Each structure stands twice: as C-alpha cells, then as structure tokens.
Amino acid sequence: PLTADVVGRFVRARVLVRDAHRLRLAHEAVLDAWPRLRDRSDG
C-alpha cells in the first residue's frame, strides 16, 4: 500500500506517467530541473 500511495501521488501530480505496465517521468527535462535527480551517482 505504501508504494502504491507514493506512485499514485506522483501520477496525480503529473510528474509520472503510467501506462499499461510501466512508469516513466513526464519529461526528461525534469532530470536537470529537479535537484534531487541531478546527482545520480548513487543510482
């Protein structure tokens, strides 16, 4: 339920896009614009 709630919040905010089986960011420009995603060395 926690994972479903977190995913649902980002989908409703239009940050994530959900189709039949996958999740993706609404746009790749978020990578550079959101500071939390700029440093991806710990991916």
Full PDB file with SEQRES, HELIX, SHEET, SSBOND, CRYST1, ORIGX, SCALE, CONECT and MASTER records, all heavy atoms in Angstrom:
SEQRES   1 A   43  PRO LEU THR ALA ASP VAL VAL GLY ARG PHE VAL ARG ALA          
SEQRES   2 A   43  ARG VAL LEU VAL ARG ASP ALA HIS ARG LEU ARG LEU ALA          
SEQRES   3 A   43  HIS GLU ALA VAL LEU ASP ALA TRP PRO ARG LEU ARG ASP          
SEQRES   4 A   43  ARG SER ASP GLY                                              
HELIX    1 AA1 LEU A    2  ARG A   12  1                                  11    
HELIX    2 AA2 VAL A   30  ALA A   33  1                                   4    
HELIX    3 AA3 PRO A   35  ARG A   38  1                                   4    
SHEET    1 AA1 2 LEU A  16  ARG A  18  0                                        
SHEET    2 AA1 2 LEU A  23  LEU A  25 -1                                        
CRYST1    1.000    1.000    1.000  90.00  90.00  90.00 P 1           1          
ORIGX1      1.000000  0.000000  0.000000        0.00000                         
ORIGX2      0.000000  1.000000  0.000000        0.00000                         
ORIGX3      0.000000  0.000000  1.000000        0.00000                         
SCALE1      1.000000  0.000000  0.000000        0.00000                         
SCALE2      0.000000  1.000000  0.000000        0.00000                         
SCALE3      0.000000  0.000000  1.000000        0.00000                         
ATOM      1  N   PRO A   1       0.812  -1.224   0.000  1.00  0.00           N  
ATOM      2  CA  PRO A   1       0.000   0.000   0.000  1.00  0.00           C  
ATOM      3  C   PRO A   1       0.844   1.273   0.000  1.00  0.00           C  
ATOM      4  O   PRO A   1       0.473   2.267  -0.636  1.00  0.00           O  
ATOM      5  CB  PRO A   1      -0.832  -0.122   1.285  1.00  0.00           C  
ATOM      6  CG  PRO A   1      -0.903  -1.594   1.546  1.00  0.00           C  
ATOM      7  CD  PRO A   1       0.417  -2.142   1.087  1.00  0.00           C  
ATOM      8  N   LEU A   2       1.988   1.264   0.707  1.00  0.00           N  
ATOM      9  CA  LEU A   2       2.831   2.460   0.747  1.00  0.00           C  
ATOM     10  C   LEU A   2       3.379   2.779  -0.629  1.00  0.00           C  
ATOM     11  O   LEU A   2       3.345   3.940  -1.076  1.00  0.00           O  
ATOM     12  CB  LEU A   2       3.985   2.256   1.743  1.00  0.00           C  
ATOM     13  CG  LEU A   2       4.998   3.410   1.823  1.00  0.00           C  
ATOM     14  CD1 LEU A   2       4.309   4.700   2.254  1.00  0.00           C  
ATOM     15  CD2 LEU A   2       6.133   3.056   2.780  1.00  0.00           C  
ATOM     16  N   THR A   3       3.895   1.775  -1.333  1.00  0.00           N  
ATOM     17  CA  THR A   3       4.422   2.004  -2.680  1.00  0.00           C  
ATOM     18  C   THR A   3       3.321   2.496  -3.611  1.00  0.00           C  
ATOM     19  O   THR A   3       3.532   3.428  -4.395  1.00  0.00           O  
ATOM     20  CB  THR A   3       5.053   0.719  -3.229  1.00  0.00           C  
ATOM     21  OG1 THR A   3       6.120   0.309  -2.368  1.00  0.00           O  
ATOM     22  CG2 THR A   3       5.600   0.934  -4.627  1.00  0.00           C  
ATOM     23  N   ALA A   4       2.145   1.869  -3.536  1.00  0.00           N  
ATOM     24  CA  ALA A   4       1.028   2.290  -4.386  1.00  0.00           C  
ATOM     25  C   ALA A   4       0.639   3.734  -4.105  1.00  0.00           C  
ATOM     26  O   ALA A   4       0.329   4.503  -5.026  1.00  0.00           O  
ATOM     27  CB  ALA A   4      -0.168   1.364  -4.178  1.00  0.00           C  
ATOM     28  N   ASP A   5       0.664   4.144  -2.826  1.00  0.00           N  
ATOM     29  CA  ASP A   5       0.306   5.519  -2.466  1.00  0.00           C  
ATOM     30  C   ASP A   5       1.328   6.505  -3.010  1.00  0.00           C  
ATOM     31  O   ASP A   5       0.965   7.551  -3.566  1.00  0.00           O  
ATOM     32  CB  ASP A   5       0.216   5.637  -0.944  1.00  0.00           C  
ATOM     33  CG  ASP A   5      -0.086   7.064  -0.495  1.00  0.00           C  
ATOM     34  OD1 ASP A   5      -1.151   7.593  -0.871  1.00  0.00           O  
ATOM     35  OD2 ASP A   5       0.751   7.651   0.212  1.00  0.00           O  
ATOM     36  N   VAL A   6       2.625   6.180  -2.868  1.00  0.00           N  
ATOM     37  CA  VAL A   6       3.674   7.082  -3.362  1.00  0.00           C  
ATOM     38  C   VAL A   6       3.576   7.231  -4.871  1.00  0.00           C  
ATOM     39  O   VAL A   6       3.609   8.355  -5.416  1.00  0.00           O  
ATOM     40  CB  VAL A   6       5.064   6.551  -2.959  1.00  0.00           C  
ATOM     41  CG1 VAL A   6       6.169   7.339  -3.661  1.00  0.00           C  
ATOM     42  CG2 VAL A   6       5.239   6.638  -1.440  1.00  0.00           C  
ATOM     43  N   VAL A   7       3.427   6.126  -5.582  1.00  0.00           N  
ATOM     44  CA  VAL A   7       3.309   6.179  -7.044  1.00  0.00           C  
ATOM     45  C   VAL A   7       2.072   6.976  -7.444  1.00  0.00           C  
ATOM     46  O   VAL A   7       2.121   7.830  -8.338  1.00  0.00           O  
ATOM     47  CB  VAL A   7       3.264   4.762  -7.635  1.00  0.00           C  
ATOM     48  CG1 VAL A   7       2.892   4.806  -9.114  1.00  0.00           C  
ATOM     49  CG2 VAL A   7       4.601   4.067  -7.447  1.00  0.00           C  
ATOM     50  N   GLY A   8       0.956   6.723  -6.774  1.00  0.00           N  
ATOM     51  CA  GLY A   8      -0.278   7.421  -7.106  1.00  0.00           C  
ATOM     52  C   GLY A   8      -0.175   8.921  -6.940  1.00  0.00           C  
ATOM     53  O   GLY A   8      -0.712   9.684  -7.754  1.00  0.00           O  
ATOM     54  N   ARG A   9       0.525   9.381  -5.914  1.00  0.00           N  
ATOM     55  CA  ARG A   9       0.675  10.824  -5.691  1.00  0.00           C  
ATOM     56  C   ARG A   9       1.460  11.482  -6.821  1.00  0.00           C  
ATOM     57  O   ARG A   9       1.090  12.561  -7.297  1.00  0.00           O  
ATOM     58  CB  ARG A   9       1.377  11.081  -4.358  1.00  0.00           C  
ATOM     59  CG  ARG A   9       0.557  10.714  -3.131  1.00  0.00           C  
ATOM     60  CD  ARG A   9       1.249  11.179  -1.874  1.00  0.00           C  
ATOM     61  NE  ARG A   9       0.566  10.714  -0.667  1.00  0.00           N  
ATOM     62  CZ  ARG A   9       0.610  11.332   0.501  1.00  0.00           C  
ATOM     63  NH1 ARG A   9       1.296  12.459   0.606  1.00  0.00           N  
ATOM     64  NH2 ARG A   9      -0.008  10.850   1.550  1.00  0.00           N  
ATOM     65  N   PHE A  10       2.529  10.852  -7.250  1.00  0.00           N  
ATOM     66  CA  PHE A  10       3.327  11.441  -8.322  1.00  0.00           C  
ATOM     67  C   PHE A  10       2.594  11.360  -9.669  1.00  0.00           C  
ATOM     68  O   PHE A  10       2.767  12.244 -10.513  1.00  0.00           O  
ATOM     69  CB  PHE A  10       4.687  10.752  -8.406  1.00  0.00           C  
ATOM     70  CG  PHE A  10       5.654  11.191  -7.348  1.00  0.00           C  
ATOM     71  CD1 PHE A  10       5.958  10.358  -6.278  1.00  0.00           C  
ATOM     72  CD2 PHE A  10       6.246  12.441  -7.401  1.00  0.00           C  
ATOM     73  CE1 PHE A  10       6.849  10.761  -5.293  1.00  0.00           C  
ATOM     74  CE2 PHE A  10       7.136  12.857  -6.425  1.00  0.00           C  
ATOM     75  CZ  PHE A  10       7.435  12.007  -5.356  1.00  0.00           C  
ATOM     76  N   VAL A  11       1.777  10.336  -9.862  1.00  0.00           N  
ATOM     77  CA  VAL A  11       0.983  10.245 -11.100  1.00  0.00           C  
ATOM     78  C   VAL A  11      -0.072  11.343 -11.123  1.00  0.00           C  
ATOM     79  O   VAL A  11      -0.268  12.024 -12.134  1.00  0.00           O  
ATOM     80  CB  VAL A  11       0.345   8.851 -11.239  1.00  0.00           C  
ATOM     81  CG1 VAL A  11      -0.679   8.838 -12.376  1.00  0.00           C  
ATOM     82  CG2 VAL A  11       1.409   7.788 -11.509  1.00  0.00           C  
ATOM     83  N   ARG A  12      -0.763  11.523 -10.004  1.00  0.00           N  
ATOM     84  CA  ARG A  12      -1.809  12.560  -9.951  1.00  0.00           C  
ATOM     85  C   ARG A  12      -1.223  13.957 -10.101  1.00  0.00           C  
ATOM     86  O   ARG A  12      -1.887  14.862 -10.626  1.00  0.00           O  
ATOM     87  CB  ARG A  12      -2.584  12.452  -8.634  1.00  0.00           C  
ATOM     88  CG  ARG A  12      -3.507  11.255  -8.564  1.00  0.00           C  
ATOM     89  CD  ARG A  12      -4.429  11.343  -7.357  1.00  0.00           C  
ATOM     90  NE  ARG A  12      -3.707  11.242  -6.107  1.00  0.00           N  
ATOM     91  CZ  ARG A  12      -3.396  10.100  -5.504  1.00  0.00           C  
ATOM     92  NH1 ARG A  12      -3.732   8.946  -6.053  1.00  0.00           N  
ATOM     93  NH2 ARG A  12      -2.741  10.098  -4.345  1.00  0.00           N  
ATOM     94  N   ALA A  13       0.016  14.144  -9.670  1.00  0.00           N  
ATOM     95  CA  ALA A  13       0.680  15.451  -9.816  1.00  0.00           C  
ATOM     96  C   ALA A  13       1.264  15.638 -11.207  1.00  0.00           C  
ATOM     97  O   ALA A  13       1.895  16.656 -11.474  1.00  0.00           O  
ATOM     98  CB  ALA A  13       1.780  15.595  -8.769  1.00  0.00           C  
ATOM     99  N   ARG A  14       1.078  14.648 -12.091  1.00  0.00           N  
ATOM    100  CA  ARG A  14       1.559  14.697 -13.483  1.00  0.00           C  
ATOM    101  C   ARG A  14       3.073  14.613 -13.577  1.00  0.00           C  
ATOM    102  O   ARG A  14       3.636  14.885 -14.631  1.00  0.00           O  
ATOM    103  CB  ARG A  14       1.097  15.988 -14.197  1.00  0.00           C  
ATOM    104  CG  ARG A  14      -0.378  16.291 -14.090  1.00  0.00           C  
ATOM    105  CD  ARG A  14      -1.217  15.372 -14.909  1.00  0.00           C  
ATOM    106  NE  ARG A  14      -2.544  15.901 -15.157  1.00  0.00           N  
ATOM    107  CZ  ARG A  14      -3.496  15.247 -15.789  1.00  0.00           C  
ATOM    108  NH1 ARG A  14      -3.274  14.034 -16.263  1.00  0.00           N  
ATOM    109  NH2 ARG A  14      -4.681  15.782 -15.995  1.00  0.00           N  
ATOM    110  N   VAL A  15       3.740  14.239 -12.492  1.00  0.00           N  
ATOM    111  CA  VAL A  15       5.196  14.090 -12.533  1.00  0.00           C  
ATOM    112  C   VAL A  15       5.564  12.762 -13.202  1.00  0.00           C  
ATOM    113  O   VAL A  15       6.520  12.679 -13.962  1.00  0.00           O  
ATOM    114  CB  VAL A  15       5.786  14.158 -11.111  1.00  0.00           C  
ATOM    115  CG1 VAL A  15       7.289  13.892 -11.134  1.00  0.00           C  
ATOM    116  CG2 VAL A  15       5.483  15.510 -10.484  1.00  0.00           C  
ATOM    117  N   LEU A  16       4.785  11.718 -12.897  1.00  0.00           N  
ATOM    118  CA  LEU A  16       4.980  10.407 -13.504  1.00  0.00           C  
ATOM    119  C   LEU A  16       3.837  10.097 -14.447  1.00  0.00           C  
ATOM    120  O   LEU A  16       2.699  10.551 -14.249  1.00  0.00           O  
ATOM    121  CB  LEU A  16       5.053   9.311 -12.434  1.00  0.00           C  
ATOM    122  CG  LEU A  16       6.242   9.354 -11.470  1.00  0.00           C  
ATOM    123  CD1 LEU A  16       6.161   8.169 -10.510  1.00  0.00           C  
ATOM    124  CD2 LEU A  16       7.551   9.341 -12.219  1.00  0.00           C  
ATOM    125  N   VAL A  17       4.141   9.331 -15.461  1.00  0.00           N  
ATOM    126  CA  VAL A  17       3.145   8.851 -16.417  1.00  0.00           C  
ATOM    127  C   VAL A  17       3.063   7.343 -16.260  1.00  0.00           C  
ATOM    128  O   VAL A  17       4.091   6.648 -16.255  1.00  0.00           O  
ATOM    129  CB  VAL A  17       3.543   9.202 -17.865  1.00  0.00           C  
ATOM    130  CG1 VAL A  17       2.515   8.655 -18.847  1.00  0.00           C  
ATOM    131  CG2 VAL A  17       3.674  10.700 -18.012  1.00  0.00           C  
ATOM    132  N   ARG A  18       1.855   6.835 -16.139  1.00  0.00           N  
ATOM    133  CA  ARG A  18       1.664   5.395 -16.002  1.00  0.00           C  
ATOM    134  C   ARG A  18       0.840   4.889 -17.168  1.00  0.00           C  
ATOM    135  O   ARG A  18      -0.243   5.397 -17.447  1.00  0.00           O  
ATOM    136  CB  ARG A  18       0.970   5.064 -14.683  1.00  0.00           C  
ATOM    137  CG  ARG A  18       0.785   3.560 -14.480  1.00  0.00           C  
ATOM    138  CD  ARG A  18       0.405   3.229 -13.066  1.00  0.00           C  
ATOM    139  NE  ARG A  18       0.374   1.781 -12.868  1.00  0.00           N  
ATOM    140  CZ  ARG A  18       0.380   1.188 -11.695  1.00  0.00           C  
ATOM    141  NH1 ARG A  18       0.404   1.913 -10.598  1.00  0.00           N  
ATOM    142  NH2 ARG A  18       0.348  -0.126 -11.595  1.00  0.00           N  
ATOM    143  N   ASP A  19       1.376   3.869 -17.855  1.00  0.00           N  
ATOM    144  CA  ASP A  19       0.584   3.219 -18.901  1.00  0.00           C  
ATOM    145  C   ASP A  19       0.283   1.798 -18.447  1.00  0.00           C  
ATOM    146  O   ASP A  19       0.234   1.524 -17.252  1.00  0.00           O  
ATOM    147  CB  ASP A  19       1.289   3.298 -20.254  1.00  0.00           C  
ATOM    148  CG  ASP A  19       2.679   2.683 -20.230  1.00  0.00           C  
ATOM    149  OD1 ASP A  19       2.970   1.878 -19.317  1.00  0.00           O  
ATOM    150  OD2 ASP A  19       3.482   2.999 -21.119  1.00  0.00           O  
ATOM    151  N   ALA A  20       0.107   0.868 -19.381  1.00  0.00           N  
ATOM    152  CA  ALA A  20      -0.368  -0.455 -19.021  1.00  0.00           C  
ATOM    153  C   ALA A  20       0.548  -1.154 -18.022  1.00  0.00           C  
ATOM    154  O   ALA A  20       0.086  -1.783 -17.074  1.00  0.00           O  
ATOM    155  CB  ALA A  20      -0.533  -1.300 -20.277  1.00  0.00           C  
ATOM    156  N   HIS A  21       1.838  -1.085 -18.214  1.00  0.00           N  
ATOM    157  CA  HIS A  21       2.752  -1.863 -17.378  1.00  0.00           C  
ATOM    158  C   HIS A  21       3.938  -1.070 -16.849  1.00  0.00           C  
ATOM    159  O   HIS A  21       4.760  -1.634 -16.129  1.00  0.00           O  
ATOM    160  CB  HIS A  21       3.297  -3.065 -18.165  1.00  0.00           C  
ATOM    161  CG  HIS A  21       2.224  -3.948 -18.723  1.00  0.00           C  
ATOM    162  ND1 HIS A  21       1.405  -4.710 -17.921  1.00  0.00           N  
ATOM    163  CD2 HIS A  21       1.827  -4.176 -20.005  1.00  0.00           C  
ATOM    164  CE1 HIS A  21       0.555  -5.388 -18.685  1.00  0.00           C  
ATOM    165  NE2 HIS A  21       0.788  -5.076 -19.939  1.00  0.00           N  
ATOM    166  N   ARG A  22       4.067   0.204 -17.201  1.00  0.00           N  
ATOM    167  CA  ARG A  22       5.299   0.906 -16.876  1.00  0.00           C  
ATOM    168  C   ARG A  22       5.042   2.300 -16.324  1.00  0.00           C  
ATOM    169  O   ARG A  22       3.991   2.894 -16.556  1.00  0.00           O  
ATOM    170  CB  ARG A  22       6.200   1.012 -18.111  1.00  0.00           C  
ATOM    171  CG  ARG A  22       6.714  -0.338 -18.577  1.00  0.00           C  
ATOM    172  CD  ARG A  22       7.701  -0.180 -19.705  1.00  0.00           C  
ATOM    173  NE  ARG A  22       8.315  -1.439 -20.052  1.00  0.00           N  
ATOM    174  CZ  ARG A  22       9.292  -1.578 -20.939  1.00  0.00           C  
ATOM    175  NH1 ARG A  22       9.755  -0.514 -21.573  1.00  0.00           N  
ATOM    176  NH2 ARG A  22       9.806  -2.760 -21.199  1.00  0.00           N  
ATOM    177  N   LEU A  23       6.068   2.792 -15.617  1.00  0.00           N  
ATOM    178  CA  LEU A  23       6.092   4.160 -15.121  1.00  0.00           C  
ATOM    179  C   LEU A  23       7.255   4.889 -15.780  1.00  0.00           C  
ATOM    180  O   LEU A  23       8.319   4.301 -15.995  1.00  0.00           O  
ATOM    181  CB  LEU A  23       6.295   4.181 -13.606  1.00  0.00           C  
ATOM    182  CG  LEU A  23       5.122   3.787 -12.717  1.00  0.00           C  
ATOM    183  CD1 LEU A  23       5.625   3.576 -11.295  1.00  0.00           C  
ATOM    184  CD2 LEU A  23       4.047   4.847 -12.734  1.00  0.00           C  
ATOM    185  N   ARG A  24       7.049   6.166 -16.077  1.00  0.00           N  
ATOM    186  CA  ARG A  24       8.143   6.967 -16.622  1.00  0.00           C  
ATOM    187  C   ARG A  24       7.938   8.422 -16.190  1.00  0.00           C  
ATOM    188  O   ARG A  24       6.829   8.818 -15.803  1.00  0.00           O  
ATOM    189  CB  ARG A  24       8.198   6.873 -18.147  1.00  0.00           C  
ATOM    190  CG  ARG A  24       6.929   7.287 -18.846  1.00  0.00           C  
ATOM    191  CD  ARG A  24       7.105   7.277 -20.355  1.00  0.00           C  
ATOM    192  NE  ARG A  24       7.513   5.984 -20.855  1.00  0.00           N  
ATOM    193  CZ  ARG A  24       6.674   4.982 -21.141  1.00  0.00           C  
ATOM    194  NH1 ARG A  24       5.381   5.146 -20.944  1.00  0.00           N  
ATOM    195  NH2 ARG A  24       7.110   3.849 -21.615  1.00  0.00           N  
ATOM    196  N   LEU A  25       9.012   9.193 -16.240  1.00  0.00           N  
ATOM    197  CA  LEU A  25       8.899  10.614 -15.942  1.00  0.00           C  
ATOM    198  C   LEU A  25       8.103  11.322 -17.036  1.00  0.00           C  
ATOM    199  O   LEU A  25       8.162  10.927 -18.210  1.00  0.00           O  
ATOM    200  CB  LEU A  25      10.284  11.240 -15.848  1.00  0.00           C  
ATOM    201  CG  LEU A  25      11.058  11.003 -14.543  1.00  0.00           C  
ATOM    202  CD1 LEU A  25      12.498  11.452 -14.712  1.00  0.00           C  
ATOM    203  CD2 LEU A  25      10.412  11.749 -13.390  1.00  0.00           C  
ATOM    204  N   ALA A  26       7.368  12.373 -16.635  1.00  0.00           N  
ATOM    205  CA  ALA A  26       6.568  13.112 -17.608  1.00  0.00           C  
ATOM    206  C   ALA A  26       7.440  13.720 -18.697  1.00  0.00           C  
ATOM    207  O   ALA A  26       7.014  13.840 -19.842  1.00  0.00           O  
ATOM    208  CB  ALA A  26       5.759  14.207 -16.917  1.00  0.00           C  
ATOM    209  N   HIS A  27       8.663  14.089 -18.346  1.00  0.00           N  
ATOM    210  CA  HIS A  27       9.574  14.622 -19.359  1.00  0.00           C  
ATOM    211  C   HIS A  27      10.995  14.535 -18.835  1.00  0.00           C  
ATOM    212  O   HIS A  27      11.247  14.717 -17.636  1.00  0.00           O  
ATOM    213  CB  HIS A  27       9.234  16.078 -19.712  1.00  0.00           C  
ATOM    214  CG  HIS A  27       9.828  16.515 -21.008  1.00  0.00           C  
ATOM    215  ND1 HIS A  27      11.137  16.917 -21.125  1.00  0.00           N  
ATOM    216  CD2 HIS A  27       9.308  16.585 -22.252  1.00  0.00           C  
ATOM    217  CE1 HIS A  27      11.384  17.229 -22.382  1.00  0.00           C  
ATOM    218  NE2 HIS A  27      10.293  17.033 -23.083  1.00  0.00           N  
ATOM    219  N   GLU A  28      11.927  14.254 -19.742  1.00  0.00           N  
ATOM    220  CA  GLU A  28      13.328  14.110 -19.353  1.00  0.00           C  
ATOM    221  C   GLU A  28      13.931  15.409 -18.830  1.00  0.00           C  
ATOM    222  O   GLU A  28      14.952  15.394 -18.136  1.00  0.00           O  
ATOM    223  CB  GLU A  28      14.149  13.613 -20.534  1.00  0.00           C  
ATOM    224  CG  GLU A  28      14.126  14.538 -21.728  1.00  0.00           C  
ATOM    225  CD  GLU A  28      14.602  13.857 -22.989  1.00  0.00           C  
ATOM    226  OE1 GLU A  28      14.601  12.630 -23.040  1.00  0.00           O  
ATOM    227  OE2 GLU A  28      14.961  14.586 -23.923  1.00  0.00           O  
ATOM    228  N   ALA A  29      13.304  16.553 -19.143  1.00  0.00           N  
ATOM    229  CA  ALA A  29      13.824  17.825 -18.637  1.00  0.00           C  
ATOM    230  C   ALA A  29      13.790  17.891 -17.118  1.00  0.00           C  
ATOM    231  O   ALA A  29      14.522  18.673 -16.506  1.00  0.00           O  
ATOM    232  CB  ALA A  29      13.017  18.985 -19.226  1.00  0.00           C  
ATOM    233  N   VAL A  30      12.962  17.060 -16.481  1.00  0.00           N  
ATOM    234  CA  VAL A  30      12.904  17.036 -15.017  1.00  0.00           C  
ATOM    235  C   VAL A  30      14.252  16.616 -14.439  1.00  0.00           C  
ATOM    236  O   VAL A  30      14.611  16.993 -13.327  1.00  0.00           O  
ATOM    237  CB  VAL A  30      11.791  16.075 -14.548  1.00  0.00           C  
ATOM    238  CG1 VAL A  30      11.642  16.115 -13.026  1.00  0.00           C  
ATOM    239  CG2 VAL A  30      10.468  16.438 -15.195  1.00  0.00           C  
ATOM    240  N   LEU A  31      15.020  15.807 -15.184  1.00  0.00           N  
ATOM    241  CA  LEU A  31      16.303  15.321 -14.690  1.00  0.00           C  
ATOM    242  C   LEU A  31      17.219  16.463 -14.290  1.00  0.00           C  
ATOM    243  O   LEU A  31      17.898  16.410 -13.265  1.00  0.00           O  
ATOM    244  CB  LEU A  31      16.996  14.474 -15.766  1.00  0.00           C  
ATOM    245  CG  LEU A  31      16.365  13.112 -16.098  1.00  0.00           C  
ATOM    246  CD1 LEU A  31      17.155  12.457 -17.199  1.00  0.00           C  
ATOM    247  CD2 LEU A  31      16.310  12.231 -14.868  1.00  0.00           C  
ATOM    248  N   ASP A  32      17.258  17.498 -15.115  1.00  0.00           N  
ATOM    249  CA  ASP A  32      18.143  18.631 -14.836  1.00  0.00           C  
ATOM    250  C   ASP A  32      17.491  19.686 -13.959  1.00  0.00           C  
ATOM    251  O   ASP A  32      18.183  20.455 -13.293  1.00  0.00           O  
ATOM    252  CB  ASP A  32      18.595  19.267 -16.152  1.00  0.00           C  
ATOM    253  CG  ASP A  32      19.430  18.314 -16.985  1.00  0.00           C  
ATOM    254  OD1 ASP A  32      20.223  17.561 -16.392  1.00  0.00           O  
ATOM    255  OD2 ASP A  32      19.272  18.308 -18.217  1.00  0.00           O  
ATOM    256  N   ALA A  33      16.152  19.719 -13.963  1.00  0.00           N  
ATOM    257  CA  ALA A  33      15.467  20.787 -13.233  1.00  0.00           C  
ATOM    258  C   ALA A  33      15.243  20.452 -11.759  1.00  0.00           C  
ATOM    259  O   ALA A  33      15.135  21.357 -10.939  1.00  0.00           O  
ATOM    260  CB  ALA A  33      14.120  21.088 -13.898  1.00  0.00           C  
ATOM    261  N   TRP A  34      15.161  19.168 -11.416  1.00  0.00           N  
ATOM    262  CA  TRP A  34      14.895  18.786 -10.031  1.00  0.00           C  
ATOM    263  C   TRP A  34      16.217  18.460  -9.350  1.00  0.00           C  
ATOM    264  O   TRP A  34      16.899  17.495  -9.725  1.00  0.00           O  
ATOM    265  CB  TRP A  34      13.957  17.580  -9.979  1.00  0.00           C  
ATOM    266  CG  TRP A  34      13.367  17.333  -8.618  1.00  0.00           C  
ATOM    267  CD1 TRP A  34      13.296  18.206  -7.580  1.00  0.00           C  
ATOM    268  CD2 TRP A  34      12.760  16.115  -8.161  1.00  0.00           C  
ATOM    269  NE1 TRP A  34      12.677  17.632  -6.500  1.00  0.00           N  
ATOM    270  CE2 TRP A  34      12.332  16.355  -6.824  1.00  0.00           C  
ATOM    271  CE3 TRP A  34      12.521  14.881  -8.741  1.00  0.00           C  
ATOM    272  CZ2 TRP A  34      11.703  15.370  -6.068  1.00  0.00           C  
ATOM    273  CZ3 TRP A  34      11.883  13.897  -7.994  1.00  0.00           C  
ATOM    274  CH2 TRP A  34      11.473  14.138  -6.672  1.00  0.00           C  
ATOM    275  N   PRO A  35      16.631  19.225  -8.349  1.00  0.00           N  
ATOM    276  CA  PRO A  35      17.940  18.994  -7.723  1.00  0.00           C  
ATOM    277  C   PRO A  35      18.127  17.578  -7.197  1.00  0.00           C  
ATOM    278  O   PRO A  35      19.236  17.056  -7.202  1.00  0.00           O  
ATOM    279  CB  PRO A  35      17.962  20.028  -6.579  1.00  0.00           C  
ATOM    280  CG  PRO A  35      17.048  21.110  -7.034  1.00  0.00           C  
ATOM    281  CD  PRO A  35      15.957  20.421  -7.809  1.00  0.00           C  
ATOM    282  N   ARG A  36      17.054  16.930  -6.748  1.00  0.00           N  
ATOM    283  CA  ARG A  36      17.197  15.580  -6.202  1.00  0.00           C  
ATOM    284  C   ARG A  36      17.595  14.556  -7.267  1.00  0.00           C  
ATOM    285  O   ARG A  36      18.039  13.458  -6.935  1.00  0.00           O  
ATOM    286  CB  ARG A  36      15.890  15.130  -5.543  1.00  0.00           C  
ATOM    287  CG  ARG A  36      15.532  15.936  -4.316  1.00  0.00           C  
ATOM    288  CD  ARG A  36      14.308  15.383  -3.611  1.00  0.00           C  
ATOM    289  NE  ARG A  36      13.870  16.284  -2.572  1.00  0.00           N  
ATOM    290  CZ  ARG A  36      14.380  16.304  -1.341  1.00  0.00           C  
ATOM    291  NH1 ARG A  36      15.342  15.465  -1.025  1.00  0.00           N  
ATOM    292  NH2 ARG A  36      13.938  17.162  -0.443  1.00  0.00           N  
ATOM    293  N   LEU A  37      17.411  14.896  -8.537  1.00  0.00           N  
ATOM    294  CA  LEU A  37      17.755  13.968  -9.609  1.00  0.00           C  
ATOM    295  C   LEU A  37      19.050  14.343 -10.315  1.00  0.00           C  
ATOM    296  O   LEU A  37      19.526  13.586 -11.156  1.00  0.00           O  
ATOM    297  CB  LEU A  37      16.632  13.909 -10.650  1.00  0.00           C  
ATOM    298  CG  LEU A  37      15.328  13.264 -10.204  1.00  0.00           C  
ATOM    299  CD1 LEU A  37      14.371  13.194 -11.369  1.00  0.00           C  
ATOM    300  CD2 LEU A  37      15.562  11.877  -9.636  1.00  0.00           C  
ATOM    301  N   ARG A  38      19.612  15.503  -9.983  1.00  0.00           N  
ATOM    302  CA  ARG A  38      20.811  15.922 -10.711  1.00  0.00           C  
ATOM    303  C   ARG A  38      21.998  15.017 -10.408  1.00  0.00           C  
ATOM    304  O   ARG A  38      22.758  14.666 -11.295  1.00  0.00           O  
ATOM    305  CB  ARG A  38      21.163  17.371 -10.336  1.00  0.00           C  
ATOM    306  CG  ARG A  38      20.249  18.386 -11.002  1.00  0.00           C  
ATOM    307  CD  ARG A  38      20.596  19.789 -10.571  1.00  0.00           C  
ATOM    308  NE  ARG A  38      19.608  20.747 -11.061  1.00  0.00           N  
ATOM    309  CZ  ARG A  38      19.420  21.948 -10.523  1.00  0.00           C  
ATOM    310  NH1 ARG A  38      20.161  22.323  -9.487  1.00  0.00           N  
ATOM    311  NH2 ARG A  38      18.515  22.760 -11.014  1.00  0.00           N  
ATOM    312  N   ASP A  39      22.180  14.662  -9.140  1.00  0.00           N  
ATOM    313  CA  ASP A  39      23.279  13.772  -8.771  1.00  0.00           C  
ATOM    314  C   ASP A  39      22.749  12.348  -8.772  1.00  0.00           C  
ATOM    315  O   ASP A  39      22.071  11.926  -7.853  1.00  0.00           O  
ATOM    316  CB  ASP A  39      23.825  14.136  -7.391  1.00  0.00           C  
ATOM    317  CG  ASP A  39      24.986  13.229  -6.981  1.00  0.00           C  
ATOM    318  OD1 ASP A  39      25.470  12.480  -7.849  1.00  0.00           O  
ATOM    319  OD2 ASP A  39      25.394  13.275  -5.813  1.00  0.00           O  
ATOM    320  N   ARG A  40      23.079  11.606  -9.820  1.00  0.00           N  
ATOM    321  CA  ARG A  40      22.589  10.234  -9.942  1.00  0.00           C  
ATOM    322  C   ARG A  40      23.716   9.226  -9.749  1.00  0.00           C  
ATOM    323  O   ARG A  40      23.639   8.093 -10.203  1.00  0.00           O  
ATOM    324  CB  ARG A  40      21.920  10.042 -11.310  1.00  0.00           C  
ATOM    325  CG  ARG A  40      20.796  11.040 -11.544  1.00  0.00           C  
ATOM    326  CD  ARG A  40      19.937  10.648 -12.690  1.00  0.00           C  
ATOM    327  NE  ARG A  40      20.608  10.670 -13.966  1.00  0.00           N  
ATOM    328  CZ  ARG A  40      20.809  11.753 -14.701  1.00  0.00           C  
ATOM    329  NH1 ARG A  40      20.413  12.920 -14.269  1.00  0.00           N  
ATOM    330  NH2 ARG A  40      21.418  11.688 -15.881  1.00  0.00           N  
ATOM    331  N   SER A  41      24.798   9.658  -9.070  1.00  0.00           N  
ATOM    332  CA  SER A  41      25.927   8.763  -8.874  1.00  0.00           C  
ATOM    333  C   SER A  41      25.592   7.591  -7.977  1.00  0.00           C  
ATOM    334  O   SER A  41      26.271   6.570  -7.996  1.00  0.00           O  
ATOM    335  CB  SER A  41      27.097   9.541  -8.259  1.00  0.00           C  
ATOM    336  OG  SER A  41      26.708  10.122  -7.028  1.00  0.00           O  
ATOM    337  N   ASP A  42      24.516   7.718  -7.144  1.00  0.00           N  
ATOM    338  CA  ASP A  42      24.142   6.615  -6.264  1.00  0.00           C  
ATOM    339  C   ASP A  42      22.985   5.821  -6.851  1.00  0.00           C  
ATOM    340  O   ASP A  42      22.234   5.180  -6.143  1.00  0.00           O  
ATOM    341  CB  ASP A  42      23.750   7.149  -4.876  1.00  0.00           C  
ATOM    342  CG  ASP A  42      22.516   8.064  -4.933  1.00  0.00           C  
ATOM    343  OD1 ASP A  42      22.198   8.541  -6.033  1.00  0.00           O  
ATOM    344  OD2 ASP A  42      21.901   8.279  -3.883  1.00  0.00           O  
ATOM    345  N   GLY A  43      22.822   5.843  -8.157  1.00  0.00           N  
ATOM    346  CA  GLY A  43      21.758   5.093  -8.807  1.00  0.00           C  
ATOM    347  C   GLY A  43      21.987   3.600  -8.707  1.00  0.00           C  
ATOM    348  O   GLY A  43      22.982   3.130  -8.157  1.00  0.00           O  
TER     349      GLY A  43                                                      
MASTER        0    0    0    3    2    0    0    6  348    1    0    4          
END                                                                             
